[in-house]
Amino acid sequence: MARSLLFSGLALLPLISAQQIGHTRNVNPKLLTQTCTKKHGCKTQGTYVVLDALSHPIDTKSGASCQNSTGRPDTSICPTVGACASHCALEGIDYAQHGVHAHGDELKLYQYLNINGTETSVSPRLYLLGADGKDYEQPALLNQEFTFTVDVSNLPCGMNGALYLSAMDRTGGRSTLNPAGAAYGTGYCDAQCPDNGWTNGVANLAHKGACCNEMDIWEANARSTQLTPHACNVTGLYQCTGADCGGDGVCDKSGCGINPYGEGDHSFYGYKDVVDTTQPFTVVTQFHTDNGKASGKLSQIKRLYVQHGKTIQEPSFTINGQTLNSITVSLPACEDSQRRLTVTNT
């Protein structure tokens, strides 16, 4: 591959919020990443991470929450989009209190914290900001590879560590109604078209879904892992209603994935297996194109692992008589995504 983007980190799940900038200082942790080429080697970038806006308090000037008990805009404070933007402010956050610790190129995330004597699930979801700390980093991956090193030894069955890309607006939907933008974690969308309380940092009073292309590079714990692209036939964030939000709507919700354990190989990935999840390992995802250049169309997504200096290939599996070890248009599960990709190639 021509280039690689290295990102050391792991995301644990949950959703969204919005609006004016509050008075509590917001300090996003710095996380060093690298962009590499065969010709020039690796260049370190001083990027940042930001917690999803749902983790940030959104309050009125008097300190009252702008969200009701279900996490949606309180209509007594937010009867209209404009009123909500005028009355509500998005505050800064203490990252350590949300289980986030960044140091150099290492990112540690904690699912649970002891808060005031109670074991509490904090489940942080982070996004990567560029070197300016203002807008989201948006890597171009055609004819490139995305690489990160991960330790899932303490991530058991029943938990999901997720590292994925979604076609969010670079600014997080920054506008006059949402001056906070990406620096405060606004603008989330994915191929499941979630009906968030806020969309692009603006109160979602109409209950529209937030759809966009999604590439699940890493959904895993210590026992199993899956690589799944979810294609949509729209570009950027699309606010859906009705059938557009459903399983036959604008996005392939099921996705086009491969899972070694699910395909019957129960000794490839896990404790003391070929990929030994009791130890850290490097995950490499390659995005091959039909002409071997960044100008080409995506033709194959290939997964490799590196552990103890050894490169480990994804195991082969057979579906409908075809032997495969990567994601291509030949994979039967990819037919629905391929149909959508005839509209947009992202």
Protein backbone atom coordinates (compact mmCIF):
# COMPACT_ATOMS: atom_id res chain seq x y z
CA MET A 1 0.00 0.00 0.00
CA ALA A 2 1.14 3.55 -0.65
CA ARG A 3 0.54 5.00 2.81
CA SER A 4 -0.61 4.10 6.28
CA LEU A 5 -2.33 6.00 9.04
CA LEU A 6 -1.52 4.75 12.53
CA PHE A 7 -3.96 5.38 15.36
CA SER A 8 -3.43 3.84 18.77
CA GLY A 9 -6.77 3.58 20.46
CA LEU A 10 -10.08 1.85 21.10
CA ALA A 11 -13.59 3.20 21.47
CA LEU A 12 -16.30 1.88 23.79
CA LEU A 13 -19.84 2.60 22.92
CA PRO A 14 -22.87 4.93 23.52
CA LEU A 15 -24.78 8.80 21.54
CA ILE A 16 -25.18 12.77 21.08
CA SER A 17 -25.91 16.40 22.27
CA ALA A 18 -25.53 20.10 21.25
CA GLN A 19 -25.36 23.76 21.19
CA GLN A 20 -23.94 27.08 22.50
CA ILE A 21 -20.53 27.08 24.23
CA GLY A 22 -20.73 27.08 28.04
CA HIS A 23 -18.46 28.53 30.71
CA THR A 24 -16.75 25.31 31.86
CA ARG A 25 -13.37 25.06 30.17
CA ASN A 26 -13.10 22.30 27.57
CA VAL A 27 -9.63 20.69 27.25
CA ASN A 28 -9.48 17.85 24.72
CA PRO A 29 -6.68 15.31 25.36
CA LYS A 30 -3.84 15.21 22.85
CA LEU A 31 -3.20 11.89 21.10
CA LEU A 32 -0.22 11.45 18.80
CA THR A 33 -0.95 9.69 15.51
CA GLN A 34 1.20 9.12 12.44
CA THR A 35 0.85 9.36 8.68
CA CYS A 36 3.37 7.15 6.86
CA THR A 37 4.64 6.68 3.31
CA LYS A 38 7.20 4.25 1.90
CA LYS A 39 9.18 7.15 0.47
CA HIS A 40 9.22 9.55 3.41
CA GLY A 41 8.59 7.32 6.41
CA CYS A 42 6.29 8.34 9.27
CA LYS A 43 5.32 11.84 10.33
CA THR A 44 3.87 12.35 13.80
CA GLN A 45 0.73 14.45 14.08
CA GLY A 46 -0.44 16.19 17.23
CA THR A 47 -4.10 15.20 16.96
CA TYR A 48 -6.72 15.27 19.75
CA VAL A 49 -9.67 13.24 20.96
CA VAL A 50 -13.07 14.57 21.96
CA LEU A 51 -15.88 12.90 23.87
CA ASP A 52 -19.22 12.61 22.13
CA ALA A 53 -21.37 15.60 22.97
CA LEU A 54 -23.81 13.44 24.94
CA SER A 55 -21.13 13.14 27.62
CA HIS A 56 -20.99 16.94 27.96
CA PRO A 57 -23.58 18.66 30.17
CA ILE A 58 -26.02 20.79 28.18
CA ASP A 59 -27.64 23.29 30.51
CA THR A 60 -29.37 26.63 30.66
CA LYS A 61 -27.58 29.66 32.08
CA SER A 62 -29.34 28.96 35.40
CA GLY A 63 -27.92 25.44 35.47
CA ALA A 64 -31.08 23.51 34.58
CA SER A 65 -30.61 20.57 32.20
CA CYS A 66 -31.87 21.13 28.66
CA GLN A 67 -32.61 17.40 28.38
CA ASN A 68 -35.59 15.51 29.74
CA SER A 69 -35.44 12.12 31.46
CA THR A 70 -35.18 10.32 28.09
CA GLY A 71 -32.17 12.39 26.99
CA ARG A 72 -34.09 14.41 24.41
CA PRO A 73 -34.48 18.22 24.38
CA ASP A 74 -36.80 19.43 27.14
CA THR A 75 -39.59 21.08 25.12
CA SER A 76 -40.37 23.48 27.95
CA ILE A 77 -36.89 24.94 27.36
CA CYS A 78 -36.61 23.98 23.69
CA PRO A 79 -40.01 24.59 22.06
CA THR A 80 -38.18 25.44 18.83
CA VAL A 81 -34.73 24.83 17.39
CA GLY A 82 -33.87 28.53 17.72
CA ALA A 83 -35.06 28.74 21.32
CA CYS A 84 -32.99 25.70 22.25
CA ALA A 85 -29.87 27.19 20.69
CA SER A 86 -30.50 30.45 22.51
CA HIS A 87 -31.17 28.97 25.95
CA CYS A 88 -28.79 26.01 26.11
CA ALA A 89 -25.02 25.71 26.36
CA LEU A 90 -22.66 22.76 25.91
CA GLU A 91 -20.08 22.59 28.69
CA GLY A 92 -16.55 21.28 28.90
CA ILE A 93 -15.85 17.93 30.54
CA ASP A 94 -13.35 16.18 32.84
CA TYR A 95 -12.06 13.33 30.68
CA ALA A 96 -10.65 11.29 33.55
CA GLN A 97 -14.12 11.21 35.13
CA HIS A 98 -15.34 9.57 31.91
CA GLY A 99 -12.68 6.87 31.82
CA VAL A 100 -10.39 8.51 29.26
CA HIS A 101 -6.61 8.71 29.64
CA ALA A 102 -4.33 9.77 26.77
CA HIS A 103 -0.56 9.90 26.94
CA GLY A 104 1.65 10.26 23.88
CA ASP A 105 0.34 7.79 21.31
CA GLU A 106 -1.48 5.64 23.88
CA LEU A 107 -5.18 5.87 24.67
CA LYS A 108 -6.73 3.95 27.58
CA LEU A 109 -10.50 3.72 27.94
CA TYR A 110 -12.36 2.33 30.94
CA GLN A 111 -15.87 0.91 30.77
CA TYR A 112 -16.43 1.24 34.53
CA LEU A 113 -15.29 3.72 37.17
CA ASN A 114 -15.83 3.86 40.92
CA ILE A 115 -17.72 7.13 41.36
CA ASN A 116 -18.56 8.09 44.94
CA GLY A 117 -18.33 4.45 46.02
CA THR A 118 -20.54 3.12 43.20
CA GLU A 119 -19.32 1.08 40.24
CA THR A 120 -20.59 3.13 37.31
CA SER A 121 -20.58 2.45 33.57
CA VAL A 122 -19.08 5.46 31.78
CA SER A 123 -18.63 3.81 28.35
CA PRO A 124 -16.72 6.64 26.61
CA ARG A 125 -17.14 7.30 22.90
CA LEU A 126 -14.40 9.45 21.37
CA TYR A 127 -13.77 11.09 18.01
CA LEU A 128 -10.44 12.12 16.51
CA LEU A 129 -9.77 15.81 15.97
CA GLY A 130 -7.11 17.22 13.66
CA ALA A 131 -3.99 19.08 14.75
CA ASP A 132 -5.94 22.34 15.14
CA GLY A 133 -8.18 20.70 17.76
CA LYS A 134 -11.16 22.30 16.07
CA ASP A 135 -12.38 19.96 13.31
CA TYR A 136 -12.56 16.19 12.90
CA GLU A 137 -9.71 14.33 11.24
CA GLN A 138 -10.94 12.79 7.99
CA PRO A 139 -8.42 10.28 6.60
CA ALA A 140 -8.63 9.32 2.94
CA LEU A 141 -8.14 5.55 2.89
CA LEU A 142 -8.32 4.49 -0.76
CA ASN A 143 -5.10 2.62 -1.62
CA GLN A 144 -3.94 3.10 1.97
CA GLU A 145 -4.00 1.18 5.23
CA PHE A 146 -5.21 2.04 8.71
CA THR A 147 -3.16 0.62 11.56
CA PHE A 148 -3.49 0.61 15.35
CA THR A 149 -2.17 -1.42 18.25
CA VAL A 150 -4.69 -2.65 20.81
CA ASP A 151 -4.86 -4.52 24.11
CA VAL A 152 -8.22 -6.29 24.62
CA SER A 153 -7.02 -8.72 27.32
CA ASN A 154 -9.42 -7.16 29.84
CA LEU A 155 -12.37 -6.90 27.43
CA PRO A 156 -14.41 -10.08 27.99
CA CYS A 157 -17.44 -11.56 26.23
CA GLY A 158 -20.49 -9.34 26.50
CA MET A 159 -18.47 -6.17 25.89
CA ASN A 160 -17.67 -4.49 22.60
CA GLY A 161 -14.67 -2.32 21.82
CA ALA A 162 -15.38 -0.36 18.65
CA LEU A 163 -13.14 1.69 16.41
CA TYR A 164 -14.93 2.90 13.32
CA LEU A 165 -15.27 5.67 10.79
CA SER A 166 -18.47 7.53 9.97
CA ALA A 167 -18.99 10.27 7.41
CA MET A 168 -19.67 13.05 9.89
CA ASP A 169 -19.33 16.67 8.86
CA ARG A 170 -15.73 17.80 9.40
CA THR A 171 -16.88 20.70 11.59
CA GLY A 172 -19.43 18.68 13.56
CA GLY A 173 -22.18 20.80 12.02
CA ARG A 174 -20.72 24.04 13.35
CA SER A 175 -23.12 26.91 12.62
CA THR A 176 -24.73 29.95 14.21
CA LEU A 177 -27.03 27.50 16.05
CA ASN A 178 -24.11 25.25 16.99
CA PRO A 179 -20.91 27.28 17.49
CA ALA A 180 -19.39 24.49 19.63
CA GLY A 181 -19.07 22.02 16.75
CA ALA A 182 -16.54 19.21 16.52
CA ALA A 183 -14.38 20.48 19.41
CA TYR A 184 -17.29 19.51 21.70
CA GLY A 185 -18.16 16.25 19.91
CA THR A 186 -21.27 17.24 17.97
CA GLY A 187 -22.47 15.91 14.62
CA TYR A 188 -22.70 12.14 15.10
CA CYS A 189 -24.24 9.90 12.44
CA ASP A 190 -23.90 6.29 11.30
CA ALA A 191 -25.49 3.70 9.02
CA GLN A 192 -28.06 2.73 11.69
CA CYS A 193 -29.63 6.20 11.23
CA PRO A 194 -30.00 6.92 14.97
CA ASP A 195 -32.74 9.28 16.12
CA ASN A 196 -30.53 11.43 18.35
CA GLY A 197 -31.77 14.22 20.59
CA TRP A 198 -29.56 16.58 18.62
CA THR A 199 -28.38 16.34 15.02
CA ASN A 200 -25.30 18.29 13.93
CA GLY A 201 -25.52 20.11 17.24
CA VAL A 202 -29.09 21.33 16.70
CA ALA A 203 -32.19 20.14 18.62
CA ASN A 204 -33.81 17.27 16.70
CA LEU A 205 -37.42 18.08 17.53
CA ALA A 206 -38.74 16.30 14.42
CA HIS A 207 -37.24 12.92 15.44
CA LYS A 208 -35.28 12.49 12.20
CA GLY A 209 -32.61 9.83 11.87
CA ALA A 210 -28.96 10.77 11.29
CA CYS A 211 -27.68 8.53 8.45
CA CYS A 212 -24.20 8.35 6.95
CA ASN A 213 -21.65 5.87 5.60
CA GLU A 214 -19.97 3.80 8.32
CA MET A 215 -16.81 1.67 8.26
CA ASP A 216 -16.53 -0.59 11.32
CA ILE A 217 -12.81 -1.22 11.33
CA TRP A 218 -12.86 -2.88 14.74
CA GLU A 219 -15.73 -4.42 16.71
CA ALA A 220 -14.15 -6.83 19.15
CA ASN A 221 -13.46 -8.17 22.59
CA ALA A 222 -10.97 -10.80 23.75
CA ARG A 223 -13.02 -13.62 22.21
CA SER A 224 -14.21 -12.47 18.81
CA THR A 225 -13.79 -9.74 16.21
CA GLN A 226 -15.64 -8.44 13.15
CA LEU A 227 -14.77 -6.11 10.26
CA THR A 228 -17.86 -4.54 8.67
CA PRO A 229 -18.46 -1.75 6.15
CA HIS A 230 -21.98 -0.27 6.07
CA ALA A 231 -22.59 1.56 2.80
CA CYS A 232 -25.22 4.27 2.23
CA ASN A 233 -26.43 5.76 -1.03
CA VAL A 234 -26.07 9.27 0.37
CA THR A 235 -22.98 11.36 1.04
CA GLY A 236 -22.41 13.06 4.35
CA LEU A 237 -25.06 13.27 7.06
CA TYR A 238 -28.59 12.66 5.76
CA GLN A 239 -31.62 13.26 7.98
CA CYS A 240 -34.03 10.45 7.22
CA THR A 241 -37.72 9.98 7.86
CA GLY A 242 -40.03 7.01 7.37
CA ALA A 243 -38.87 4.17 5.13
CA ASP A 244 -35.55 5.88 4.41
CA CYS A 245 -34.54 5.09 7.99
CA GLY A 246 -35.42 1.40 7.77
CA GLY A 247 -33.62 -1.78 6.78
CA ASP A 248 -34.40 -1.18 3.11
CA GLY A 249 -33.65 2.54 3.37
CA VAL A 250 -30.63 4.61 2.41
CA CYS A 251 -28.08 2.58 4.42
CA ASP A 252 -27.09 -1.08 4.64
CA LYS A 253 -27.71 -1.58 8.35
CA SER A 254 -26.65 -5.24 8.42
CA GLY A 255 -23.38 -4.44 6.70
CA CYS A 256 -20.95 -6.54 4.73
CA GLY A 257 -18.68 -8.11 7.31
CA ILE A 258 -16.43 -11.03 8.16
CA ASN A 259 -15.96 -12.66 11.56
CA PRO A 260 -13.48 -15.58 11.82
CA TYR A 261 -15.29 -17.16 14.78
CA GLY A 262 -18.66 -16.70 13.10
CA GLU A 263 -17.32 -18.40 9.98
CA GLY A 264 -16.37 -21.46 12.03
CA ASP A 265 -12.69 -20.87 12.88
CA HIS A 266 -12.71 -21.07 16.69
CA SER A 267 -8.94 -21.17 17.18
CA PHE A 268 -7.80 -18.15 15.18
CA TYR A 269 -8.61 -15.24 17.51
CA GLY A 270 -8.84 -15.45 21.31
CA TYR A 271 -6.94 -16.34 24.46
CA LYS A 272 -3.74 -18.18 23.43
CA ASP A 273 -5.05 -18.58 19.85
CA VAL A 274 -3.24 -17.71 16.60
CA VAL A 275 -3.95 -14.05 17.40
CA ASP A 276 -3.37 -14.22 21.16
CA THR A 277 -5.66 -11.70 22.84
CA THR A 278 -3.91 -12.05 26.19
CA GLN A 279 -1.16 -9.88 24.61
CA PRO A 280 -1.23 -6.60 22.62
CA PHE A 281 -1.25 -6.90 18.83
CA THR A 282 -1.40 -4.62 15.79
CA VAL A 283 -4.42 -4.53 13.51
CA VAL A 284 -3.88 -3.55 9.86
CA THR A 285 -6.78 -2.82 7.52
CA GLN A 286 -5.94 -2.29 3.84
CA PHE A 287 -8.22 -0.57 1.34
CA HIS A 288 -7.24 -1.80 -2.13
CA THR A 289 -8.46 -0.09 -5.29
CA ASP A 290 -9.12 -1.41 -8.80
CA ASN A 291 -6.17 0.52 -10.29
CA GLY A 292 -3.74 0.42 -7.34
CA LYS A 293 -4.01 4.19 -6.90
CA ALA A 294 -5.87 6.55 -4.59
CA SER A 295 -7.86 7.68 -7.65
CA GLY A 296 -9.36 4.19 -8.12
CA LYS A 297 -12.53 2.59 -6.80
CA LEU A 298 -12.54 0.45 -3.69
CA SER A 299 -12.21 -3.22 -4.73
CA GLN A 300 -11.08 -5.09 -1.59
CA ILE A 301 -10.80 -4.59 2.17
CA LYS A 302 -8.13 -6.83 3.67
CA ARG A 303 -7.28 -7.50 7.31
CA LEU A 304 -3.85 -8.43 8.68
CA TYR A 305 -2.54 -8.81 12.22
CA VAL A 306 1.00 -8.34 13.52
CA GLN A 307 2.04 -9.88 16.83
CA HIS A 308 5.52 -10.57 18.22
CA GLY A 309 7.01 -9.49 14.87
CA LYS A 310 4.93 -12.00 12.90
CA THR A 311 2.38 -11.02 10.22
CA ILE A 312 -0.81 -13.08 10.49
CA GLN A 313 -3.20 -13.37 7.55
CA GLU A 314 -6.97 -13.45 8.01
CA PRO A 315 -8.10 -17.11 7.76
CA SER A 316 -9.92 -18.26 4.64
CA PHE A 317 -13.58 -19.27 4.79
CA THR A 318 -16.01 -20.72 2.28
CA ILE A 319 -19.42 -19.21 1.47
CA ASN A 320 -21.59 -20.53 -1.36
CA GLY A 321 -18.64 -22.47 -2.72
CA GLN A 322 -16.32 -19.44 -2.75
CA THR A 323 -13.12 -19.40 -0.69
CA LEU A 324 -12.41 -15.90 0.62
CA ASN A 325 -10.26 -14.16 3.24
CA SER A 326 -11.20 -10.52 2.60
CA ILE A 327 -14.18 -8.31 1.83
CA THR A 328 -14.90 -7.97 -1.87
CA VAL A 329 -18.00 -7.67 -4.04
CA SER A 330 -17.84 -11.50 -4.29
CA LEU A 331 -18.87 -11.83 -0.65
CA PRO A 332 -22.63 -12.62 -0.67
CA ALA A 333 -23.23 -10.38 2.35
CA CYS A 334 -21.88 -7.46 0.30
CA GLU A 335 -24.60 -7.50 -2.34
CA ASP A 336 -26.76 -4.98 -0.50
CA SER A 337 -23.80 -2.66 0.11
CA GLN A 338 -22.70 -3.01 -3.50
CA ARG A 339 -26.14 -1.88 -4.66
CA ARG A 340 -25.78 1.27 -2.59
CA LEU A 341 -22.16 1.79 -3.65
CA THR A 342 -23.28 2.11 -7.26
CA VAL A 343 -24.65 5.45 -6.11
CA THR A 344 -21.69 6.59 -3.96
CA ASN A 345 -18.18 5.18 -3.85
CA THR A 346 -16.71 6.25 -0.48
